[in-house]
Protein backbone atom coordinates (compact mmCIF):
# COMPACT_ATOMS: atom_id res chain seq x y z
CA MET A 1 6.63 59.53 5.74
CA SER A 2 6.05 56.25 3.90
CA THR A 3 3.86 53.53 5.32
CA VAL A 4 3.37 49.94 4.20
CA VAL A 5 0.16 48.15 5.23
CA ILE A 6 -0.02 44.35 4.87
CA ARG A 7 -3.37 42.54 4.74
CA TYR A 8 -3.78 39.60 2.35
CA SER A 9 -7.39 38.62 2.86
CA SER A 10 -10.34 38.49 3.33
CA LEU A 11 -12.66 40.91 1.61
CA GLY A 12 -14.37 42.26 4.73
CA ASP A 13 -11.12 42.63 6.66
CA ILE A 14 -9.55 44.57 3.79
CA VAL A 15 -12.54 46.94 3.77
CA LEU A 16 -12.10 47.42 7.54
CA THR A 17 -8.46 48.49 7.03
CA GLY A 18 -9.86 51.64 5.42
CA ALA A 19 -10.49 52.85 8.97
CA VAL A 20 -6.73 53.40 9.39
CA THR A 21 -5.22 53.82 5.91
CA GLY A 22 -6.38 57.43 5.56
CA ALA A 23 -4.58 58.46 8.76
CA LEU A 24 -1.40 56.67 7.62
CA ALA A 25 -1.26 58.24 4.12
CA PRO A 26 0.59 57.83 1.86
CA VAL A 27 0.23 54.05 2.02
CA THR A 28 1.64 51.23 -0.08
CA TYR A 29 -0.80 48.35 0.44
CA ILE A 30 0.34 44.72 0.10
CA THR A 31 -2.44 42.24 -0.57
CA HIS A 32 -3.55 39.22 -2.59
CA PRO A 33 -3.94 39.91 -6.34
CA ARG A 34 -7.72 39.39 -6.24
CA TYR A 35 -8.06 42.35 -3.84
CA ARG A 36 -5.85 44.80 -5.76
CA ALA A 37 -8.72 46.95 -7.06
CA LEU A 38 -10.39 47.10 -3.65
CA ALA A 39 -7.16 48.08 -1.87
CA ALA A 40 -6.53 50.81 -4.43
CA ARG A 41 -9.86 52.45 -3.46
CA LEU A 42 -9.04 52.70 0.25
CA PRO A 43 -8.35 56.20 1.57
CA GLY A 44 -4.67 57.13 1.65
CA VAL A 45 -3.52 54.24 -0.55
CA THR A 46 -1.19 55.47 -3.29
CA ALA A 47 0.24 52.11 -4.46
CA VAL A 48 -0.77 48.46 -4.27
CA CYS A 49 1.60 45.48 -4.40
CA ALA A 50 0.08 42.10 -5.15
CA GLY A 51 1.35 38.78 -6.40
CA ASP A 52 4.86 39.05 -7.85
CA ASP A 53 4.98 42.86 -7.77
CA PRO A 54 8.25 44.20 -6.37
CA LEU A 55 8.06 45.15 -2.71
CA PRO A 56 9.18 48.50 -1.36
CA ARG A 57 12.75 48.33 -0.07
CA ARG A 58 12.11 50.43 3.02
CA ALA A 59 9.34 52.25 4.86
CA ASP A 60 9.10 54.59 7.80
CA LYS A 61 6.39 52.34 9.24
CA ILE A 62 5.24 48.80 8.40
CA VAL A 63 1.78 47.92 9.72
CA ASP A 64 1.08 44.18 9.58
CA LEU A 65 -2.68 43.84 9.93
CA HIS A 66 -2.68 40.13 9.13
CA ALA A 67 -0.05 38.78 11.57
CA SER A 68 0.31 35.52 9.63
CA LEU A 69 3.48 33.67 8.69
CA ARG A 70 3.23 35.07 5.16
CA SER A 71 2.79 38.66 6.31
CA ARG A 72 5.66 38.29 8.79
CA HIS A 73 7.89 37.00 5.97
CA ILE A 74 6.94 39.98 3.78
CA ALA A 75 7.55 42.45 6.63
CA MET A 76 11.03 41.02 7.18
CA GLN A 77 11.92 41.84 3.56
CA ILE A 78 11.21 45.56 4.03
CA GLN A 79 13.48 47.77 6.11
CA GLY A 80 11.58 49.66 8.78
CA PRO A 81 9.86 49.30 12.14
CA VAL A 82 7.01 46.76 12.19
CA HIS A 83 3.75 47.27 14.09
CA ARG A 84 1.62 44.12 14.22
CA VAL A 85 -2.04 43.61 15.08
CA ALA A 86 -2.92 41.51 18.13
CA ARG A 87 -4.96 38.55 16.92
CA HIS A 88 -6.62 37.32 20.15
CA ASP A 89 -7.21 33.88 18.55
CA LEU A 90 -7.52 31.88 21.78
CA ARG A 91 -9.55 34.56 23.53
CA ARG A 92 -11.97 34.79 20.59
CA ARG A 93 -12.36 31.02 20.33
CA ALA A 94 -12.98 30.67 24.07
CA ARG A 95 -15.62 33.39 23.85
CA VAL A 96 -17.39 31.86 20.83
CA HIS A 97 -17.24 28.17 21.70
CA LEU A 98 -17.16 28.12 25.48
CA LYS A 99 -18.93 31.44 26.19
CA LEU A 100 -16.03 32.43 28.48
CA GLY A 101 -14.54 35.83 29.15
CA ALA A 102 -15.07 39.29 27.80
CA PRO A 103 -15.11 39.80 24.05
CA PRO A 104 -11.83 40.89 22.46
CA PRO A 105 -11.61 44.43 21.04
CA THR A 106 -13.26 44.98 17.67
CA VAL A 107 -11.23 44.43 14.51
CA VAL A 108 -11.21 48.16 13.73
CA ALA A 109 -10.01 48.95 17.28
CA ARG A 110 -7.20 46.40 16.96
CA TYR A 111 -6.18 47.79 13.55
CA ALA A 112 -6.10 51.35 14.94
CA GLU A 113 -4.03 50.24 17.94
CA ALA A 114 -1.50 48.43 15.74
CA ALA A 115 -1.25 51.43 13.40
CA GLY A 116 -1.04 53.92 16.26
CA VAL A 117 -3.85 56.09 14.89
CA VAL A 118 -7.45 56.95 15.67
CA ALA A 119 -9.84 54.95 13.47
CA ALA A 120 -11.93 56.93 11.01
CA GLU A 121 -15.70 56.65 10.98
CA ALA A 122 -17.38 54.49 8.33
CA PRO A 123 -17.88 54.52 5.37
CA TRP A 124 -14.24 54.12 4.33
CA ILE A 125 -14.80 53.53 0.64
CA SER A 126 -16.91 55.80 -1.52
CA VAL A 127 -19.44 53.98 -3.67
CA SER A 128 -19.93 55.47 -7.12
CA GLY A 129 -23.49 56.36 -7.97
CA ALA A 130 -24.74 56.05 -4.39
């Protein structure tokens, strides 16, 4: 089974995707070129596409963990079923600025739900020499 995970930025959010990439292995990870080395260290990631790298033509599962216009455009170019993270933008903003409502689910919980897996426990990336 081949899986494509899409998350372009930011550094912390890419680290958090490690909670689901191991359960989805093998994973082709699509990200911004500056995060190529980080994405390659995530569990289950066997290939990283960044910048002008050619995209996979098809996948058994496409997991869009960014849910932006760019990630939607990329997902449309790959044949396969797309699973997209729920962003909760309005709910989060209402909670932060107006102190209204219950907090949205954690980022890791939303990533696991979109991927259809159980999130792994931290740490997701091994640190050399630690």
